[in-house]
Amino acid sequence: MKRAVSIVVTLALLAWLASDARWKMVGDAFDRVTPAAFVAVAVALFVTYVLRALRVCDEFRGEVNGRFGACLRVILIHNAMINVVPFRGGETAFPLLLRQVFGIPIMRASASLLWFRLQDAFVVAILACLVWPGLHPALRAAGIAALTIAAWYLPRWARAPHDWAGRGRLVAKLGLLRDIFTEATGRSRYGWWWTVANWALKLSVQAWLLALMLGTSFTTAFPGVVGAEGAAILPVQGVAGFGTYEAGAAAALLTSGIAVKSGLQAALALHLFIFGSAIATGAIAWLFPSKSTLPESPAAETARKSSL
């Protein structure tokens, strides 16, 4: 059912674009941006991937052993797969690549990915409370406080002693997952710093580009990109995020006085640029394979030697 809804959301966006020559208007949004600005945004987005790679190197420092290039390759391919594989299926690339390149168990890598995504959600949600136009100051403060407390409490809840192992088969498995999640939350020394730095740069540069495409101010555009990224938290996503991303941006921009039509067009142009950047960097990373730390099977080693 979720897949059907995702396809419908994406097709609805395409149908809207196909009417009244709106594709041309999306092209007009690109025309408002200079080539130098596109290059600057592309470089800044690449820096956000570097920050993600540093986050991985920090958490798995015992297994990575300083192989930053391999970590960056994992991040770039994972990011591209998220955009290419529908229904968030590309997320599986992260634990699979960590297993292939560094020999990290799938369960541990998956728990780490879950913690990454939770940290992302907390940071984006707090930023949304900070910048969402028209939000009452009391609600703004309450939202920030509640999210901060939840982010602080979650790892401590996971680390608390529990007896789930003796409470049935299903609960025991959940207890094992909780223990692995506990390890993920405690291994990264600077996880929150990497996450905040990544999102501060990512959202700022996207807001700058969106402002250029809309012909408006940075402060007006910033809630739009927060709304777009916040839409990624929704349980139902369009294919490669198309549809939900634009709707989230347009909804946030509407509160700043930007018409829905203009917001959707500029958000789609921004999304297409980000999508293209992710695919390009992922493809380049794919061309430079990393040496696996997994032991080679005897059969594979014999075949390799015979080919020499």
C-alpha atoms as a PDB file:
ATOM      1  CA  MET A   1       0.000   0.000   0.000  1.00  0.00           C
ATOM      2  CA  LYS A   2       2.817   2.423   0.893  1.00  0.00           C
ATOM      3  CA  ARG A   3       4.509   1.715  -2.439  1.00  0.00           C
ATOM      4  CA  ALA A   4       1.297   2.440  -4.312  1.00  0.00           C
ATOM      5  CA  VAL A   5       0.893   5.741  -2.458  1.00  0.00           C
ATOM      6  CA  SER A   6       4.536   6.631  -3.206  1.00  0.00           C
ATOM      7  CA  ILE A   7       4.015   6.055  -6.923  1.00  0.00           C
ATOM      8  CA  VAL A   8       0.777   8.065  -6.891  1.00  0.00           C
ATOM      9  CA  VAL A   9       2.527  10.998  -5.157  1.00  0.00           C
ATOM     10  CA  THR A  10       5.310  11.038  -7.751  1.00  0.00           C
ATOM     11  CA  LEU A  11       2.912  10.665 -10.685  1.00  0.00           C
ATOM     12  CA  ALA A  12       0.822  13.529  -9.305  1.00  0.00           C
ATOM     13  CA  LEU A  13       3.893  15.772  -9.372  1.00  0.00           C
ATOM     14  CA  LEU A  14       4.680  14.735 -12.947  1.00  0.00           C
ATOM     15  CA  ALA A  15       1.080  15.321 -14.025  1.00  0.00           C
ATOM     16  CA  TRP A  16       1.132  18.776 -12.466  1.00  0.00           C
ATOM     17  CA  LEU A  17       4.357  19.592 -14.290  1.00  0.00           C
ATOM     18  CA  ALA A  18       3.044  18.316 -17.616  1.00  0.00           C
ATOM     19  CA  SER A  19       0.110  20.730 -17.504  1.00  0.00           C
ATOM     20  CA  ASP A  20       0.415  24.339 -18.677  1.00  0.00           C
ATOM     21  CA  ALA A  21       4.071  23.969 -19.766  1.00  0.00           C
ATOM     22  CA  ARG A  22       5.302  24.075 -16.173  1.00  0.00           C
ATOM     23  CA  TRP A  23       8.509  22.266 -17.170  1.00  0.00           C
ATOM     24  CA  LYS A  24       9.587  25.489 -18.882  1.00  0.00           C
ATOM     25  CA  MET A  25       9.013  27.400 -15.644  1.00  0.00           C
ATOM     26  CA  VAL A  26      11.283  24.951 -13.832  1.00  0.00           C
ATOM     27  CA  GLY A  27      13.913  25.734 -16.449  1.00  0.00           C
ATOM     28  CA  ASP A  28      13.406  29.430 -15.719  1.00  0.00           C
ATOM     29  CA  ALA A  29      14.377  28.754 -12.096  1.00  0.00           C
ATOM     30  CA  PHE A  30      17.692  27.301 -13.286  1.00  0.00           C
ATOM     31  CA  ASP A  31      18.250  30.318 -15.543  1.00  0.00           C
ATOM     32  CA  ARG A  32      18.257  32.625 -12.516  1.00  0.00           C
ATOM     33  CA  VAL A  33      21.405  30.942 -11.133  1.00  0.00           C
ATOM     34  CA  THR A  34      24.897  31.620 -12.495  1.00  0.00           C
ATOM     35  CA  PRO A  35      27.296  28.745 -13.314  1.00  0.00           C
ATOM     36  CA  ALA A  36      29.631  29.967 -10.566  1.00  0.00           C
ATOM     37  CA  ALA A  37      26.825  29.646  -8.015  1.00  0.00           C
ATOM     38  CA  PHE A  38      26.080  26.086  -9.163  1.00  0.00           C
ATOM     39  CA  VAL A  39      29.755  25.182  -8.780  1.00  0.00           C
ATOM     40  CA  ALA A  40      29.867  26.699  -5.285  1.00  0.00           C
ATOM     41  CA  VAL A  41      26.777  24.744  -4.226  1.00  0.00           C
ATOM     42  CA  ALA A  42      28.156  21.500  -5.688  1.00  0.00           C
ATOM     43  CA  VAL A  43      31.415  21.956  -3.765  1.00  0.00           C
ATOM     44  CA  ALA A  44      29.529  22.703  -0.547  1.00  0.00           C
ATOM     45  CA  LEU A  45      27.355  19.607  -0.984  1.00  0.00           C
ATOM     46  CA  PHE A  46      30.504  17.532  -1.457  1.00  0.00           C
ATOM     47  CA  VAL A  47      31.815  18.927   1.834  1.00  0.00           C
ATOM     48  CA  THR A  48      28.649  17.632   3.531  1.00  0.00           C
ATOM     49  CA  TYR A  49      29.502  14.158   2.221  1.00  0.00           C
ATOM     50  CA  VAL A  50      32.986  14.579   3.694  1.00  0.00           C
ATOM     51  CA  LEU A  51      31.426  15.406   7.071  1.00  0.00           C
ATOM     52  CA  ARG A  52      29.303  12.252   6.828  1.00  0.00           C
ATOM     53  CA  ALA A  53      32.391  10.209   6.024  1.00  0.00           C
ATOM     54  CA  LEU A  54      34.185  11.659   9.045  1.00  0.00           C
ATOM     55  CA  ARG A  55      31.188  10.612  11.143  1.00  0.00           C
ATOM     56  CA  VAL A  56      31.586   7.030   9.904  1.00  0.00           C
ATOM     57  CA  CYS A  57      35.350   7.095  10.456  1.00  0.00           C
ATOM     58  CA  ASP A  58      34.773   8.326  13.996  1.00  0.00           C
ATOM     59  CA  GLU A  59      32.283   5.621  14.944  1.00  0.00           C
ATOM     60  CA  PHE A  60      34.060   2.703  13.267  1.00  0.00           C
ATOM     61  CA  ARG A  61      37.603   3.923  13.905  1.00  0.00           C
ATOM     62  CA  GLY A  62      38.704   0.473  15.092  1.00  0.00           C
ATOM     63  CA  GLU A  63      37.674  -1.170  11.822  1.00  0.00           C
ATOM     64  CA  VAL A  64      38.370   1.699   9.420  1.00  0.00           C
ATOM     65  CA  ASN A  65      41.978   2.259  10.563  1.00  0.00           C
ATOM     66  CA  GLY A  66      42.214   5.677   8.934  1.00  0.00           C
ATOM     67  CA  ARG A  67      40.853   4.633   5.514  1.00  0.00           C
ATOM     68  CA  PHE A  68      38.995   7.887   4.971  1.00  0.00           C
ATOM     69  CA  GLY A  69      38.781   7.435   1.198  1.00  0.00           C
ATOM     70  CA  ALA A  70      36.958   4.135   1.646  1.00  0.00           C
ATOM     71  CA  CYS A  71      34.528   5.760   4.102  1.00  0.00           C
ATOM     72  CA  LEU A  72      33.851   8.591   1.666  1.00  0.00           C
ATOM     73  CA  ARG A  73      33.194   6.080  -1.109  1.00  0.00           C
ATOM     74  CA  VAL A  74      30.649   4.274   1.098  1.00  0.00           C
ATOM     75  CA  ILE A  75      28.852   7.548   1.819  1.00  0.00           C
ATOM     76  CA  LEU A  76      28.783   8.665  -1.834  1.00  0.00           C
ATOM     77  CA  ILE A  77      27.458   5.341  -3.126  1.00  0.00           C
ATOM     78  CA  HIS A  78      24.937   5.089  -0.297  1.00  0.00           C
ATOM     79  CA  ASN A  79      23.703   8.614  -1.033  1.00  0.00           C
ATOM     80  CA  ALA A  80      23.329   7.812  -4.734  1.00  0.00           C
ATOM     81  CA  MET A  81      21.500   4.552  -4.013  1.00  0.00           C
ATOM     82  CA  ILE A  82      18.985   6.354  -1.804  1.00  0.00           C
ATOM     83  CA  ASN A  83      18.099   8.498  -4.810  1.00  0.00           C
ATOM     84  CA  VAL A  84      18.090   5.679  -7.376  1.00  0.00           C
ATOM     85  CA  VAL A  85      16.412   2.780  -5.533  1.00  0.00           C
ATOM     86  CA  PRO A  86      12.730   3.504  -4.830  1.00  0.00           C
ATOM     87  CA  PHE A  87      10.921   3.214  -1.496  1.00  0.00           C
ATOM     88  CA  ARG A  88      14.069   3.945   0.563  1.00  0.00           C
ATOM     89  CA  GLY A  89      15.531   0.626  -0.564  1.00  0.00           C
ATOM     90  CA  GLY A  90      18.865   2.338  -1.114  1.00  0.00           C
ATOM     91  CA  GLU A  91      19.354   2.550   2.654  1.00  0.00           C
ATOM     92  CA  THR A  92      20.425  -1.107   2.594  1.00  0.00           C
ATOM     93  CA  ALA A  93      23.564  -0.083   0.698  1.00  0.00           C
ATOM     94  CA  PHE A  94      25.068   1.397   3.875  1.00  0.00           C
ATOM     95  CA  PRO A  95      25.276  -1.775   6.005  1.00  0.00           C
ATOM     96  CA  LEU A  96      26.101  -3.908   2.966  1.00  0.00           C
ATOM     97  CA  LEU A  97      29.010  -1.673   1.951  1.00  0.00           C
ATOM     98  CA  LEU A  98      30.352  -1.498   5.507  1.00  0.00           C
ATOM     99  CA  ARG A  99      30.229  -5.302   5.626  1.00  0.00           C
ATOM    100  CA  GLN A 100      31.931  -5.626   2.250  1.00  0.00           C
ATOM    101  CA  VAL A 101      34.673  -3.048   2.769  1.00  0.00           C
ATOM    102  CA  PHE A 102      35.402  -3.186   6.502  1.00  0.00           C
ATOM    103  CA  GLY A 103      33.891  -6.486   7.645  1.00  0.00           C
ATOM    104  CA  ILE A 104      31.450  -4.752  10.005  1.00  0.00           C
ATOM    105  CA  PRO A 105      28.485  -7.006  10.928  1.00  0.00           C
ATOM    106  CA  ILE A 106      25.204  -6.151   9.220  1.00  0.00           C
ATOM    107  CA  MET A 107      23.294  -5.781  12.496  1.00  0.00           C
ATOM    108  CA  ARG A 108      25.822  -3.377  13.943  1.00  0.00           C
ATOM    109  CA  ALA A 109      25.975  -1.296  10.755  1.00  0.00           C
ATOM    110  CA  SER A 110      22.164  -1.209  10.576  1.00  0.00           C
ATOM    111  CA  ALA A 111      21.926  -0.034  14.189  1.00  0.00           C
ATOM    112  CA  SER A 112      24.448   2.670  13.386  1.00  0.00           C
ATOM    113  CA  LEU A 113      22.388   3.771  10.374  1.00  0.00           C
ATOM    114  CA  LEU A 114      19.282   3.925  12.575  1.00  0.00           C
ATOM    115  CA  TRP A 115      21.109   6.183  15.023  1.00  0.00           C
ATOM    116  CA  PHE A 116      22.355   8.346  12.140  1.00  0.00           C
ATOM    117  CA  ARG A 117      18.793   8.820  10.916  1.00  0.00           C
ATOM    118  CA  LEU A 118      17.460   9.557  14.384  1.00  0.00           C
ATOM    119  CA  GLN A 119      20.138  12.192  14.880  1.00  0.00           C
ATOM    120  CA  ASP A 120      19.246  13.666  11.482  1.00  0.00           C
ATOM    121  CA  ALA A 121      15.573  13.762  12.450  1.00  0.00           C
ATOM    122  CA  PHE A 122      16.255  15.449  15.786  1.00  0.00           C
ATOM    123  CA  VAL A 123      18.493  18.128  14.251  1.00  0.00           C
ATOM    124  CA  VAL A 124      16.112  18.908  11.370  1.00  0.00           C
ATOM    125  CA  ALA A 125      13.107  18.988  13.707  1.00  0.00           C
ATOM    126  CA  ILE A 126      14.860  21.385  16.100  1.00  0.00           C
ATOM    127  CA  LEU A 127      15.816  23.619  13.174  1.00  0.00           C
ATOM    128  CA  ALA A 128      12.206  23.520  11.984  1.00  0.00           C
ATOM    129  CA  CYS A 129      11.066  24.741  15.400  1.00  0.00           C
ATOM    130  CA  LEU A 130      13.646  27.523  15.236  1.00  0.00           C
ATOM    131  CA  VAL A 131      12.841  28.874  11.766  1.00  0.00           C
ATOM    132  CA  TRP A 132       9.223  27.899  10.982  1.00  0.00           C
ATOM    133  CA  PRO A 133       7.402  31.153  10.190  1.00  0.00           C
ATOM    134  CA  GLY A 134       4.465  32.204  12.333  1.00  0.00           C
ATOM    135  CA  LEU A 135       5.055  29.671  15.109  1.00  0.00           C
ATOM    136  CA  HIS A 136       4.121  30.981  18.563  1.00  0.00           C
ATOM    137  CA  PRO A 137       7.226  31.549  20.725  1.00  0.00           C
ATOM    138  CA  ALA A 138       5.851  29.304  23.473  1.00  0.00           C
ATOM    139  CA  LEU A 139       5.285  26.436  21.025  1.00  0.00           C
ATOM    140  CA  ARG A 140       8.711  27.062  19.504  1.00  0.00           C
ATOM    141  CA  ALA A 141      10.414  26.832  22.901  1.00  0.00           C
ATOM    142  CA  ALA A 142       8.360  23.808  23.970  1.00  0.00           C
ATOM    143  CA  GLY A 143       9.161  21.942  20.763  1.00  0.00           C
ATOM    144  CA  ILE A 144      12.884  22.611  21.033  1.00  0.00           C
ATOM    145  CA  ALA A 145      12.911  21.577  24.698  1.00  0.00           C
ATOM    146  CA  ALA A 146      10.960  18.360  24.048  1.00  0.00           C
ATOM    147  CA  LEU A 147      13.190  17.341  21.133  1.00  0.00           C
ATOM    148  CA  THR A 148      16.386  18.123  23.043  1.00  0.00           C
ATOM    149  CA  ILE A 149      15.245  16.067  26.030  1.00  0.00           C
ATOM    150  CA  ALA A 150      14.238  13.167  23.772  1.00  0.00           C
ATOM    151  CA  ALA A 151      17.612  13.241  21.990  1.00  0.00           C
ATOM    152  CA  TRP A 152      19.399  13.260  25.355  1.00  0.00           C
ATOM    153  CA  TYR A 153      17.237  10.530  26.898  1.00  0.00           C
ATOM    154  CA  LEU A 154      17.111   7.982  24.060  1.00  0.00           C
ATOM    155  CA  PRO A 155      20.735   6.730  24.322  1.00  0.00           C
ATOM    156  CA  ARG A 156      20.447   6.595  28.112  1.00  0.00           C
ATOM    157  CA  TRP A 157      17.276   4.529  27.877  1.00  0.00           C
ATOM    158  CA  ALA A 158      19.059   2.140  25.505  1.00  0.00           C
ATOM    159  CA  ARG A 159      21.986   1.770  27.939  1.00  0.00           C
ATOM    160  CA  ALA A 160      19.778   1.086  30.959  1.00  0.00           C
ATOM    161  CA  PRO A 161      19.878  -2.519  32.288  1.00  0.00           C
ATOM    162  CA  HIS A 162      17.020  -4.678  31.043  1.00  0.00           C
ATOM    163  CA  ASP A 163      15.800  -8.268  31.212  1.00  0.00           C
ATOM    164  CA  TRP A 164      14.468  -8.546  27.672  1.00  0.00           C
ATOM    165  CA  ALA A 165      16.598 -11.625  26.975  1.00  0.00           C
ATOM    166  CA  GLY A 166      14.380 -13.769  29.201  1.00  0.00           C
ATOM    167  CA  ARG A 167      10.992 -12.481  28.092  1.00  0.00           C
ATOM    168  CA  GLY A 168      10.240 -14.552  25.021  1.00  0.00           C
ATOM    169  CA  ARG A 169      11.824 -15.080  21.640  1.00  0.00           C
ATOM    170  CA  LEU A 170      10.619 -11.882  19.966  1.00  0.00           C
ATOM    171  CA  VAL A 171      11.407  -9.677  22.966  1.00  0.00           C
ATOM    172  CA  ALA A 172      14.830 -11.320  23.251  1.00  0.00           C
ATOM    173  CA  LYS A 173      15.601 -10.371  19.645  1.00  0.00           C
ATOM    174  CA  LEU A 174      14.465  -6.823  20.340  1.00  0.00           C
ATOM    175  CA  GLY A 175      16.726  -6.833  23.391  1.00  0.00           C
ATOM    176  CA  LEU A 176      19.674  -7.837  21.216  1.00  0.00           C
ATOM    177  CA  LEU A 177      18.849  -5.022  18.796  1.00  0.00           C
ATOM    178  CA  ARG A 178      18.625  -2.627  21.743  1.00  0.00           C
ATOM    179  CA  ASP A 179      22.075  -3.708  22.932  1.00  0.00           C
ATOM    180  CA  ILE A 180      23.550  -3.194  19.459  1.00  0.00           C
ATOM    181  CA  PHE A 181      21.819   0.188  19.234  1.00  0.00           C
ATOM    182  CA  THR A 182      23.355   1.074  22.606  1.00  0.00           C
ATOM    183  CA  GLU A 183      26.786   0.332  21.187  1.00  0.00           C
ATOM    184  CA  ALA A 184      26.075   2.539  18.166  1.00  0.00           C
ATOM    185  CA  THR A 185      25.028   5.499  20.321  1.00  0.00           C
ATOM    186  CA  GLY A 186      28.141   5.265  22.454  1.00  0.00           C
ATOM    187  CA  ARG A 187      30.896   4.638  19.917  1.00  0.00           C
ATOM    188  CA  SER A 188      30.877   7.959  18.088  1.00  0.00           C
ATOM    189  CA  ARG A 189      32.741  10.536  20.156  1.00  0.00           C
ATOM    190  CA  TYR A 190      31.635  13.544  18.119  1.00  0.00           C
ATOM    191  CA  GLY A 191      28.498  12.214  16.433  1.00  0.00           C
ATOM    192  CA  TRP A 192      26.285  15.151  17.324  1.00  0.00           C
ATOM    193  CA  TRP A 193      28.937  17.657  16.228  1.00  0.00           C
ATOM    194  CA  TRP A 194      29.315  15.960  12.833  1.00  0.00           C
ATOM    195  CA  THR A 195      25.531  15.854  12.432  1.00  0.00           C
ATOM    196  CA  VAL A 196      24.964  19.513  13.338  1.00  0.00           C
ATOM    197  CA  ALA A 197      27.851  20.666  11.121  1.00  0.00           C
ATOM    198  CA  ASN A 198      26.540  18.591   8.203  1.00  0.00           C
ATOM    199  CA  TRP A 199      22.990  19.903   8.424  1.00  0.00           C
ATOM    200  CA  ALA A 200      24.011  23.502   9.091  1.00  0.00           C
ATOM    201  CA  LEU A 201      26.050  23.538   5.881  1.00  0.00           C
ATOM    202  CA  LYS A 202      23.633  21.430   3.840  1.00  0.00           C
ATOM    203  CA  LEU A 203      20.546  23.473   4.680  1.00  0.00           C
ATOM    204  CA  SER A 204      22.342  26.811   4.390  1.00  0.00           C
ATOM    205  CA  VAL A 205      23.685  26.131   0.908  1.00  0.00           C
ATOM    206  CA  GLN A 206      20.360  24.699  -0.261  1.00  0.00           C
ATOM    207  CA  ALA A 207      18.547  27.748   1.107  1.00  0.00           C
ATOM    208  CA  TRP A 208      20.947  30.037  -0.739  1.00  0.00           C
ATOM    209  CA  LEU A 209      20.337  28.202  -4.017  1.00  0.00           C
ATOM    210  CA  LEU A 210      16.577  28.135  -3.463  1.00  0.00           C
ATOM    211  CA  ALA A 211      16.625  31.879  -2.742  1.00  0.00           C
ATOM    212  CA  LEU A 212      18.396  32.489  -6.051  1.00  0.00           C
ATOM    213  CA  MET A 213      15.859  30.342  -7.892  1.00  0.00           C
ATOM    214  CA  LEU A 214      12.938  32.155  -6.290  1.00  0.00           C
ATOM    215  CA  GLY A 215      14.469  35.608  -6.453  1.00  0.00           C
ATOM    216  CA  THR A 216      13.868  36.066  -2.731  1.00  0.00           C
ATOM    217  CA  SER A 217      15.885  36.383   0.474  1.00  0.00           C
ATOM    218  CA  PHE A 218      17.839  33.679   2.286  1.00  0.00           C
ATOM    219  CA  THR A 219      15.660  34.023   5.390  1.00  0.00           C
ATOM    220  CA  THR A 220      12.529  33.440   3.303  1.00  0.00           C
ATOM    221  CA  ALA A 221      13.980  30.393   1.544  1.00  0.00           C
ATOM    222  CA  PHE A 222      15.515  28.693   4.596  1.00  0.00           C
ATOM    223  CA  PRO A 223      12.205  27.395   6.042  1.00  0.00           C
ATOM    224  CA  GLY A 224      11.488  25.951   2.596  1.00  0.00           C
ATOM    225  CA  VAL A 225      14.519  23.660   2.614  1.00  0.00           C
ATOM    226  CA  VAL A 226      13.826  22.695   6.231  1.00  0.00           C
ATOM    227  CA  GLY A 227      10.295  21.740   5.206  1.00  0.00           C
ATOM    228  CA  ALA A 228      11.622  19.773   2.232  1.00  0.00           C
ATOM    229  CA  GLU A 229      14.119  17.819   4.327  1.00  0.00           C
ATOM    230  CA  GLY A 230      11.569  17.383   7.098  1.00  0.00           C
ATOM    231  CA  ALA A 231       9.251  15.708   4.594  1.00  0.00           C
ATOM    232  CA  ALA A 232      11.853  12.933   4.322  1.00  0.00           C
ATOM    233  CA  ILE A 233      10.810  11.822   7.818  1.00  0.00           C
ATOM    234  CA  LEU A 234       7.304  10.983   6.596  1.00  0.00           C
ATOM    235  CA  PRO A 235       6.508   7.242   6.474  1.00  0.00           C
ATOM    236  CA  VAL A 236       5.374   7.531   2.840  1.00  0.00           C
ATOM    237  CA  GLN A 237       7.811   8.946   0.285  1.00  0.00           C
ATOM    238  CA  GLY A 238       7.596   9.612  -3.419  1.00  0.00           C
ATOM    239  CA  VAL A 239       9.967   7.722  -5.707  1.00  0.00           C
ATOM    240  CA  ALA A 240      13.440   9.181  -4.983  1.00  0.00           C
ATOM    241  CA  GLY A 241      11.618  11.654  -2.745  1.00  0.00           C
ATOM    242  CA  PHE A 242       9.979  13.411  -5.706  1.00  0.00           C
ATOM    243  CA  GLY A 243       6.614  14.812  -4.717  1.00  0.00           C
ATOM    244  CA  THR A 244       7.007  14.761  -0.945  1.00  0.00           C
ATOM    245  CA  TYR A 245      10.180  16.891  -1.059  1.00  0.00           C
ATOM    246  CA  GLU A 246       8.510  19.554  -3.179  1.00  0.00           C
ATOM    247  CA  ALA A 247       5.302  19.484  -1.133  1.00  0.00           C
ATOM    248  CA  GLY A 248       7.227  19.985   2.112  1.00  0.00           C
ATOM    249  CA  ALA A 249       9.111  22.931   0.652  1.00  0.00           C
ATOM    250  CA  ALA A 250       6.000  24.542  -0.831  1.00  0.00           C
ATOM    251  CA  ALA A 251       4.088  24.196   2.446  1.00  0.00           C
ATOM    252  CA  ALA A 252       6.859  25.929   4.377  1.00  0.00           C
ATOM    253  CA  LEU A 253       7.294  28.643   1.752  1.00  0.00           C
ATOM    254  CA  LEU A 254       3.560  29.318   1.726  1.00  0.00           C
ATOM    255  CA  THR A 255       3.793  30.607   5.301  1.00  0.00           C
ATOM    256  CA  SER A 256       6.409  33.101   4.045  1.00  0.00           C
ATOM    257  CA  GLY A 257       4.114  34.421   1.327  1.00  0.00           C
ATOM    258  CA  ILE A 258       5.492  32.350  -1.589  1.00  0.00           C
ATOM    259  CA  ALA A 259       2.715  30.989  -3.814  1.00  0.00           C
ATOM    260  CA  VAL A 260       2.356  27.210  -3.972  1.00  0.00           C
ATOM    261  CA  LYS A 261       3.016  27.180  -7.718  1.00  0.00           C
ATOM    262  CA  SER A 262       6.273  29.123  -7.395  1.00  0.00           C
ATOM    263  CA  GLY A 263       7.340  27.096  -4.369  1.00  0.00           C
ATOM    264  CA  LEU A 264       6.786  23.772  -6.121  1.00  0.00           C
ATOM    265  CA  GLN A 265       8.657  24.850  -9.246  1.00  0.00           C
ATOM    266  CA  ALA A 266      11.697  26.179  -7.383  1.00  0.00           C
ATOM    267  CA  ALA A 267      11.743  23.190  -5.020  1.00  0.00           C
ATOM    268  CA  LEU A 268      11.688  20.798  -7.976  1.00  0.00           C
ATOM    269  CA  ALA A 269      14.582  22.650  -9.617  1.00  0.00           C
ATOM    270  CA  LEU A 270      16.541  22.456  -6.351  1.00  0.00           C
ATOM    271  CA  HIS A 271      15.688  18.770  -5.964  1.00  0.00           C
ATOM    272  CA  LEU A 272      16.817  17.993  -9.512  1.00  0.00           C
ATOM    273  CA  PHE A 273      20.168  19.676  -8.873  1.00  0.00           C
ATOM    274  CA  ILE A 274      20.694  17.766  -5.610  1.00  0.00           C
ATOM    275  CA  PHE A 275      19.608  14.535  -7.313  1.00  0.00           C
ATOM    276  CA  GLY A 276      22.066  15.097 -10.161  1.00  0.00           C
ATOM    277  CA  SER A 277      24.899  15.884  -7.743  1.00  0.00           C
ATOM    278  CA  ALA A 278      24.229  12.714  -5.760  1.00  0.00           C
ATOM    279  CA  ILE A 279      24.155  10.520  -8.869  1.00  0.00           C
ATOM    280  CA  ALA A 280      27.304  12.102 -10.328  1.00  0.00           C
ATOM    281  CA  THR A 281      29.383  11.768  -7.156  1.00  0.00           C
ATOM    282  CA  GLY A 282      28.081   8.252  -6.537  1.00  0.00           C
ATOM    283  CA  ALA A 283      28.982   7.186 -10.078  1.00  0.00           C
ATOM    284  CA  ILE A 284      32.492   8.605  -9.728  1.00  0.00           C
ATOM    285  CA  ALA A 285      32.948   6.808  -6.400  1.00  0.00           C
ATOM    286  CA  TRP A 286      31.757   3.562  -7.995  1.00  0.00           C
ATOM    287  CA  LEU A 287      34.585   3.783 -10.533  1.00  0.00           C
ATOM    288  CA  PHE A 288      37.202   3.616  -7.764  1.00  0.00           C
ATOM    289  CA  PRO A 289      36.637   0.384  -5.819  1.00  0.00           C
ATOM    290  CA  SER A 290      37.905   0.037  -2.269  1.00  0.00           C
ATOM    291  CA  LYS A 291      39.950  -2.932  -1.159  1.00  0.00           C
ATOM    292  CA  SER A 292      37.884  -5.208   1.060  1.00  0.00           C
ATOM    293  CA  THR A 293      39.168  -6.236   4.477  1.00  0.00           C
ATOM    294  CA  LEU A 294      37.215  -9.492   4.301  1.00  0.00           C
ATOM    295  CA  PRO A 295      39.326 -12.628   3.931  1.00  0.00           C
ATOM    296  CA  GLU A 296      39.303 -13.989   0.404  1.00  0.00           C
ATOM    297  CA  SER A 297      37.874 -17.475  -0.040  1.00  0.00           C
ATOM    298  CA  PRO A 298      40.352 -20.217  -1.086  1.00  0.00           C
ATOM    299  CA  ALA A 299      38.493 -20.753  -4.368  1.00  0.00           C
ATOM    300  CA  ALA A 300      38.564 -17.053  -5.239  1.00  0.00           C
ATOM    301  CA  GLU A 301      42.240 -16.805  -4.316  1.00  0.00           C
ATOM    302  CA  THR A 302      43.107 -19.831  -6.502  1.00  0.00           C
ATOM    303  CA  ALA A 303      41.163 -18.365  -9.439  1.00  0.00           C
ATOM    304  CA  ARG A 304      42.907 -15.021  -9.012  1.00  0.00           C
ATOM    305  CA  LYS A 305      46.377 -16.622  -8.951  1.00  0.00           C
ATOM    306  CA  SER A 306      45.643 -18.772 -12.009  1.00  0.00           C
ATOM    307  CA  SER A 307      44.702 -15.671 -13.984  1.00  0.00           C
ATOM    308  CA  LEU A 308      48.081 -14.048 -13.338  1.00  0.00           C
END
